[in-house]
Amino acid sequence: MWTQDEIKAYLKNNLKESRYKHTLGVVETAIRLSDIYNCSKEKAIYAALIHDVAKYESDERLIEICTGKGYKIGTIEKKSPYLLHGLAGAIIAKEKMGINDEDILNAAIYHTTGRENMTLLEKIIYIADCIEPNRVFLGVEELRIITFDNLDDGILRSLDDNIKFIIDRGLLLHENTIKARNYLIDFK
């Protein structure tokens, strides 16, 4: 398995500077959250590092990477292939970087959509991606406060905000996002 420094070097060479900076912000936030919520810091760092490894692959390449490994691409992913960057990134991390831990790989896969009954690590990477220090949007400070006080409340708020954003733009909602939200509400 690649070391964290080897992954950082790969990312520095394969991501735009702003995306690399974002990734380091996700790492920083994931570390803080793993300290608060008692999650493996090492897993959080690896998952944060790989979450956007395929962010700049073309739509065609994302589909090719995923279908080449036998994954079925749904209607929503066909219309919005960027949603596949987490899955494609997990495939790259496994094949190129030797990361085989399913919890780390799943955290990368579901960091954009979330999913029903997310693991602690999946939750941390999902929300760290939203609230890392370089993110600037209306309500991000409040979302950070909520998240550092209660992880599930922060995720639920983020899911609600993302769903509203998607609806306002007339885009398709991914079923994983809906299931993630419903599970959290039902779980509370």
C-alpha atoms as a PDB file:
ATOM      1  CA  MET A   1       0.000   0.000   0.000  1.00  0.00           C
ATOM      2  CA  TRP A   2       1.241   3.479  -0.844  1.00  0.00           C
ATOM      3  CA  THR A   3       2.225   5.734   2.005  1.00  0.00           C
ATOM      4  CA  GLN A   4       0.334   8.934   2.663  1.00  0.00           C
ATOM      5  CA  ASP A   5       3.281  10.912   1.260  1.00  0.00           C
ATOM      6  CA  GLU A   6       3.254   8.849  -1.952  1.00  0.00           C
ATOM      7  CA  ILE A   7      -0.466   9.527  -2.380  1.00  0.00           C
ATOM      8  CA  LYS A   8       0.069  13.250  -1.737  1.00  0.00           C
ATOM      9  CA  ALA A   9       2.800  13.329  -4.404  1.00  0.00           C
ATOM     10  CA  TYR A  10       0.481  11.570  -6.866  1.00  0.00           C
ATOM     11  CA  LEU A  11      -2.332  14.015  -6.097  1.00  0.00           C
ATOM     12  CA  LYS A  12      -0.040  17.021  -6.428  1.00  0.00           C
ATOM     13  CA  ASN A  13       0.855  15.834  -9.940  1.00  0.00           C
ATOM     14  CA  ASN A  14      -2.682  14.836 -10.988  1.00  0.00           C
ATOM     15  CA  LEU A  15      -5.004  17.429  -9.446  1.00  0.00           C
ATOM     16  CA  LYS A  16      -5.339  21.155  -9.971  1.00  0.00           C
ATOM     17  CA  GLU A  17      -3.748  23.135  -7.169  1.00  0.00           C
ATOM     18  CA  SER A  18      -7.150  24.227  -5.841  1.00  0.00           C
ATOM     19  CA  ARG A  19      -8.376  20.592  -5.725  1.00  0.00           C
ATOM     20  CA  TYR A  20      -5.166  19.483  -4.012  1.00  0.00           C
ATOM     21  CA  LYS A  21      -5.673  22.237  -1.419  1.00  0.00           C
ATOM     22  CA  HIS A  22      -9.294  21.095  -1.007  1.00  0.00           C
ATOM     23  CA  THR A  23      -8.104  17.515  -0.437  1.00  0.00           C
ATOM     24  CA  LEU A  24      -5.701  18.634   2.286  1.00  0.00           C
ATOM     25  CA  GLY A  25      -8.596  20.563   3.866  1.00  0.00           C
ATOM     26  CA  VAL A  26     -10.694  17.394   3.829  1.00  0.00           C
ATOM     27  CA  VAL A  27      -7.797  15.530   5.494  1.00  0.00           C
ATOM     28  CA  GLU A  28      -7.531  18.223   8.181  1.00  0.00           C
ATOM     29  CA  THR A  29     -11.283  18.167   8.828  1.00  0.00           C
ATOM     30  CA  ALA A  30     -11.447  14.355   8.800  1.00  0.00           C
ATOM     31  CA  ILE A  31      -8.698  14.233  11.432  1.00  0.00           C
ATOM     32  CA  ARG A  32     -10.599  16.667  13.673  1.00  0.00           C
ATOM     33  CA  LEU A  33     -13.846  14.744  13.242  1.00  0.00           C
ATOM     34  CA  SER A  34     -12.193  11.372  13.854  1.00  0.00           C
ATOM     35  CA  ASP A  35     -10.761  12.723  17.109  1.00  0.00           C
ATOM     36  CA  ILE A  36     -14.196  13.935  18.230  1.00  0.00           C
ATOM     37  CA  TYR A  37     -16.171  10.875  17.125  1.00  0.00           C
ATOM     38  CA  ASN A  38     -13.584   8.184  17.926  1.00  0.00           C
ATOM     39  CA  CYS A  39     -12.854   6.949  14.408  1.00  0.00           C
ATOM     40  CA  SER A  40      -9.571   5.562  13.090  1.00  0.00           C
ATOM     41  CA  LYS A  41      -7.469   8.606  12.213  1.00  0.00           C
ATOM     42  CA  GLU A  42      -5.325   6.615   9.774  1.00  0.00           C
ATOM     43  CA  LYS A  43      -8.377   5.395   7.849  1.00  0.00           C
ATOM     44  CA  ALA A  44      -9.810   8.911   7.826  1.00  0.00           C
ATOM     45  CA  ILE A  45      -6.586  10.305   6.373  1.00  0.00           C
ATOM     46  CA  TYR A  46      -6.400   7.672   3.633  1.00  0.00           C
ATOM     47  CA  ALA A  47     -10.075   8.057   2.722  1.00  0.00           C
ATOM     48  CA  ALA A  48      -9.765  11.853   2.616  1.00  0.00           C
ATOM     49  CA  LEU A  49      -6.663  11.627   0.442  1.00  0.00           C
ATOM     50  CA  ILE A  50      -8.285   9.380  -2.172  1.00  0.00           C
ATOM     51  CA  HIS A  51     -11.814  10.820  -2.217  1.00  0.00           C
ATOM     52  CA  ASP A  52     -11.213  13.056  -5.264  1.00  0.00           C
ATOM     53  CA  VAL A  53      -8.404  11.136  -6.972  1.00  0.00           C
ATOM     54  CA  ALA A  54     -10.548  10.739 -10.139  1.00  0.00           C
ATOM     55  CA  LYS A  55     -12.148  14.203 -10.003  1.00  0.00           C
ATOM     56  CA  TYR A  56     -10.639  15.385 -13.301  1.00  0.00           C
ATOM     57  CA  GLU A  57     -11.206  12.269 -15.358  1.00  0.00           C
ATOM     58  CA  SER A  58     -13.480  12.868 -18.350  1.00  0.00           C
ATOM     59  CA  ASP A  59     -17.072  11.651 -18.244  1.00  0.00           C
ATOM     60  CA  GLU A  60     -16.188   8.938 -20.757  1.00  0.00           C
ATOM     61  CA  ARG A  61     -13.168   7.833 -18.723  1.00  0.00           C
ATOM     62  CA  LEU A  62     -15.194   7.682 -15.488  1.00  0.00           C
ATOM     63  CA  ILE A  63     -17.744   5.428 -17.176  1.00  0.00           C
ATOM     64  CA  GLU A  64     -14.974   3.335 -18.736  1.00  0.00           C
ATOM     65  CA  ILE A  65     -13.170   2.834 -15.403  1.00  0.00           C
ATOM     66  CA  CYS A  66     -16.366   1.770 -13.644  1.00  0.00           C
ATOM     67  CA  THR A  67     -17.899  -0.423 -16.360  1.00  0.00           C
ATOM     68  CA  GLY A  68     -14.483  -1.978 -16.986  1.00  0.00           C
ATOM     69  CA  LYS A  69     -14.676  -3.390 -13.464  1.00  0.00           C
ATOM     70  CA  GLY A  70     -18.187  -4.741 -13.978  1.00  0.00           C
ATOM     71  CA  TYR A  71     -20.184  -1.957 -12.339  1.00  0.00           C
ATOM     72  CA  LYS A  72     -23.591  -1.204 -13.829  1.00  0.00           C
ATOM     73  CA  ILE A  73     -24.113   2.473 -14.542  1.00  0.00           C
ATOM     74  CA  GLY A  74     -27.595   3.732 -13.703  1.00  0.00           C
ATOM     75  CA  THR A  75     -29.639   6.390 -15.471  1.00  0.00           C
ATOM     76  CA  ILE A  76     -28.616   9.120 -13.056  1.00  0.00           C
ATOM     77  CA  GLU A  77     -24.896   8.360 -13.430  1.00  0.00           C
ATOM     78  CA  LYS A  78     -25.250   8.243 -17.234  1.00  0.00           C
ATOM     79  CA  LYS A  79     -26.785  11.734 -17.154  1.00  0.00           C
ATOM     80  CA  SER A  80     -24.345  12.978 -14.478  1.00  0.00           C
ATOM     81  CA  PRO A  81     -21.135  10.926 -14.847  1.00  0.00           C
ATOM     82  CA  TYR A  82     -19.259  13.172 -12.396  1.00  0.00           C
ATOM     83  CA  LEU A  83     -21.156  11.251  -9.693  1.00  0.00           C
ATOM     84  CA  LEU A  84     -18.904   8.304 -10.580  1.00  0.00           C
ATOM     85  CA  HIS A  85     -15.690  10.052  -9.557  1.00  0.00           C
ATOM     86  CA  GLY A  86     -15.833   8.522  -6.057  1.00  0.00           C
ATOM     87  CA  LEU A  87     -16.244   4.983  -7.391  1.00  0.00           C
ATOM     88  CA  ALA A  88     -13.615   5.520 -10.087  1.00  0.00           C
ATOM     89  CA  GLY A  89     -11.293   6.973  -7.459  1.00  0.00           C
ATOM     90  CA  ALA A  90     -11.770   3.933  -5.225  1.00  0.00           C
ATOM     91  CA  ILE A  91     -10.929   1.678  -8.181  1.00  0.00           C
ATOM     92  CA  ILE A  92      -7.781   3.689  -8.901  1.00  0.00           C
ATOM     93  CA  ALA A  93      -6.826   3.674  -5.203  1.00  0.00           C
ATOM     94  CA  LYS A  94      -7.223  -0.091  -5.037  1.00  0.00           C
ATOM     95  CA  GLU A  95      -5.446  -0.937  -8.274  1.00  0.00           C
ATOM     96  CA  LYS A  96      -2.709   1.693  -8.370  1.00  0.00           C
ATOM     97  CA  MET A  97      -2.154   2.514  -4.699  1.00  0.00           C
ATOM     98  CA  GLY A  98      -2.827  -0.887  -3.167  1.00  0.00           C
ATOM     99  CA  ILE A  99      -5.585   0.286  -0.817  1.00  0.00           C
ATOM    100  CA  ASN A 100      -7.781  -2.719  -0.065  1.00  0.00           C
ATOM    101  CA  ASP A 101      -9.610  -1.619   3.080  1.00  0.00           C
ATOM    102  CA  GLU A 102     -13.301  -1.663   2.115  1.00  0.00           C
ATOM    103  CA  ASP A 103     -14.211   0.966   4.703  1.00  0.00           C
ATOM    104  CA  ILE A 104     -11.705   3.420   3.186  1.00  0.00           C
ATOM    105  CA  LEU A 105     -12.811   2.597  -0.358  1.00  0.00           C
ATOM    106  CA  ASN A 106     -16.513   2.926   0.510  1.00  0.00           C
ATOM    107  CA  ALA A 107     -15.895   6.300   2.152  1.00  0.00           C
ATOM    108  CA  ALA A 108     -14.487   7.508  -1.184  1.00  0.00           C
ATOM    109  CA  ILE A 109     -17.293   5.892  -3.189  1.00  0.00           C
ATOM    110  CA  TYR A 110     -20.120   7.506  -1.191  1.00  0.00           C
ATOM    111  CA  HIS A 111     -18.567  10.880  -0.349  1.00  0.00           C
ATOM    112  CA  THR A 112     -20.747  12.710  -2.880  1.00  0.00           C
ATOM    113  CA  THR A 113     -24.141  11.038  -2.546  1.00  0.00           C
ATOM    114  CA  GLY A 114     -24.025   9.478   0.886  1.00  0.00           C
ATOM    115  CA  ARG A 115     -25.999   6.282   1.368  1.00  0.00           C
ATOM    116  CA  GLU A 116     -28.358   4.531   3.713  1.00  0.00           C
ATOM    117  CA  ASN A 117     -26.755   3.437   6.999  1.00  0.00           C
ATOM    118  CA  MET A 118     -23.339   5.003   6.397  1.00  0.00           C
ATOM    119  CA  THR A 119     -20.424   3.838   8.515  1.00  0.00           C
ATOM    120  CA  LEU A 120     -18.757   6.333  10.822  1.00  0.00           C
ATOM    121  CA  LEU A 121     -15.877   6.749   8.358  1.00  0.00           C
ATOM    122  CA  GLU A 122     -18.278   7.281   5.443  1.00  0.00           C
ATOM    123  CA  LYS A 123     -20.078   9.960   7.441  1.00  0.00           C
ATOM    124  CA  ILE A 124     -16.829  11.706   8.335  1.00  0.00           C
ATOM    125  CA  ILE A 125     -15.580  11.838   4.737  1.00  0.00           C
ATOM    126  CA  TYR A 126     -18.991  12.871   3.398  1.00  0.00           C
ATOM    127  CA  ILE A 127     -19.253  15.859   5.742  1.00  0.00           C
ATOM    128  CA  ALA A 128     -15.532  16.720   5.775  1.00  0.00           C
ATOM    129  CA  ASP A 129     -15.812  17.182   2.008  1.00  0.00           C
ATOM    130  CA  CYS A 130     -18.615  19.695   2.612  1.00  0.00           C
ATOM    131  CA  ILE A 131     -17.148  21.710   5.480  1.00  0.00           C
ATOM    132  CA  GLU A 132     -13.383  21.681   4.984  1.00  0.00           C
ATOM    133  CA  PRO A 133     -11.780  25.104   5.639  1.00  0.00           C
ATOM    134  CA  ASN A 134     -11.532  26.095   1.951  1.00  0.00           C
ATOM    135  CA  ARG A 135     -15.287  25.743   1.390  1.00  0.00           C
ATOM    136  CA  VAL A 136     -17.061  29.070   1.224  1.00  0.00           C
ATOM    137  CA  PHE A 137     -20.836  29.137   0.817  1.00  0.00           C
ATOM    138  CA  LEU A 138     -23.793  30.628   2.631  1.00  0.00           C
ATOM    139  CA  GLY A 139     -24.374  28.605   5.800  1.00  0.00           C
ATOM    140  CA  VAL A 140     -21.042  26.754   5.898  1.00  0.00           C
ATOM    141  CA  GLU A 141     -20.044  28.225   9.279  1.00  0.00           C
ATOM    142  CA  GLU A 142     -23.326  27.124  10.830  1.00  0.00           C
ATOM    143  CA  LEU A 143     -22.945  23.686   9.219  1.00  0.00           C
ATOM    144  CA  ARG A 144     -19.462  23.371  10.751  1.00  0.00           C
ATOM    145  CA  ILE A 145     -20.800  24.243  14.210  1.00  0.00           C
ATOM    146  CA  ILE A 146     -23.660  21.753  13.889  1.00  0.00           C
ATOM    147  CA  THR A 147     -21.335  18.997  12.633  1.00  0.00           C
ATOM    148  CA  PHE A 148     -18.721  19.398  15.352  1.00  0.00           C
ATOM    149  CA  ASP A 149     -21.536  19.264  17.925  1.00  0.00           C
ATOM    150  CA  ASN A 150     -23.473  16.338  16.389  1.00  0.00           C
ATOM    151  CA  LEU A 151     -22.258  14.429  13.337  1.00  0.00           C
ATOM    152  CA  ASP A 152     -25.654  13.094  12.238  1.00  0.00           C
ATOM    153  CA  ASP A 153     -27.289  16.516  12.571  1.00  0.00           C
ATOM    154  CA  GLY A 154     -24.559  18.006  10.382  1.00  0.00           C
ATOM    155  CA  ILE A 155     -24.972  15.326   7.747  1.00  0.00           C
ATOM    156  CA  LEU A 156     -28.751  15.678   7.758  1.00  0.00           C
ATOM    157  CA  ARG A 157     -28.452  19.450   7.320  1.00  0.00           C
ATOM    158  CA  SER A 158     -25.961  18.961   4.485  1.00  0.00           C
ATOM    159  CA  LEU A 159     -28.210  16.424   2.763  1.00  0.00           C
ATOM    160  CA  ASP A 160     -31.167  18.796   3.058  1.00  0.00           C
ATOM    161  CA  ASP A 161     -29.143  21.682   1.614  1.00  0.00           C
ATOM    162  CA  ASN A 162     -27.798  19.529  -1.228  1.00  0.00           C
ATOM    163  CA  ILE A 163     -31.259  18.226  -2.099  1.00  0.00           C
ATOM    164  CA  LYS A 164     -32.634  21.780  -2.226  1.00  0.00           C
ATOM    165  CA  PHE A 165     -29.688  22.853  -4.402  1.00  0.00           C
ATOM    166  CA  ILE A 166     -30.281  19.964  -6.829  1.00  0.00           C
ATOM    167  CA  ILE A 167     -34.047  20.590  -6.990  1.00  0.00           C
ATOM    168  CA  ASP A 168     -33.533  24.332  -7.563  1.00  0.00           C
ATOM    169  CA  ARG A 169     -31.422  23.495 -10.622  1.00  0.00           C
ATOM    170  CA  GLY A 170     -33.882  20.937 -11.972  1.00  0.00           C
ATOM    171  CA  LEU A 171     -31.368  18.092 -11.736  1.00  0.00           C
ATOM    172  CA  LEU A 172     -31.925  14.446 -10.902  1.00  0.00           C
ATOM    173  CA  LEU A 173     -31.651  13.379  -7.265  1.00  0.00           C
ATOM    174  CA  HIS A 174     -29.528  10.317  -6.651  1.00  0.00           C
ATOM    175  CA  GLU A 175     -31.441   7.624  -4.799  1.00  0.00           C
ATOM    176  CA  ASN A 176     -28.534   7.139  -2.369  1.00  0.00           C
ATOM    177  CA  THR A 177     -28.937  10.723  -1.186  1.00  0.00           C
ATOM    178  CA  ILE A 178     -32.646  10.258  -0.563  1.00  0.00           C
ATOM    179  CA  LYS A 179     -32.040   6.966   1.240  1.00  0.00           C
ATOM    180  CA  ALA A 180     -29.271   8.527   3.353  1.00  0.00           C
ATOM    181  CA  ARG A 181     -31.599  11.339   4.437  1.00  0.00           C
ATOM    182  CA  ASN A 182     -34.535   9.048   5.153  1.00  0.00           C
ATOM    183  CA  TYR A 183     -32.353   6.668   7.157  1.00  0.00           C
ATOM    184  CA  LEU A 184     -31.008   9.481   9.328  1.00  0.00           C
ATOM    185  CA  ILE A 185     -34.505  10.808   9.996  1.00  0.00           C
ATOM    186  CA  ASP A 186     -35.860   7.350  10.771  1.00  0.00           C
ATOM    187  CA  PHE A 187     -32.795   6.538  12.905  1.00  0.00           C
ATOM    188  CA  LYS A 188     -33.246   9.617  15.113  1.00  0.00           C
END
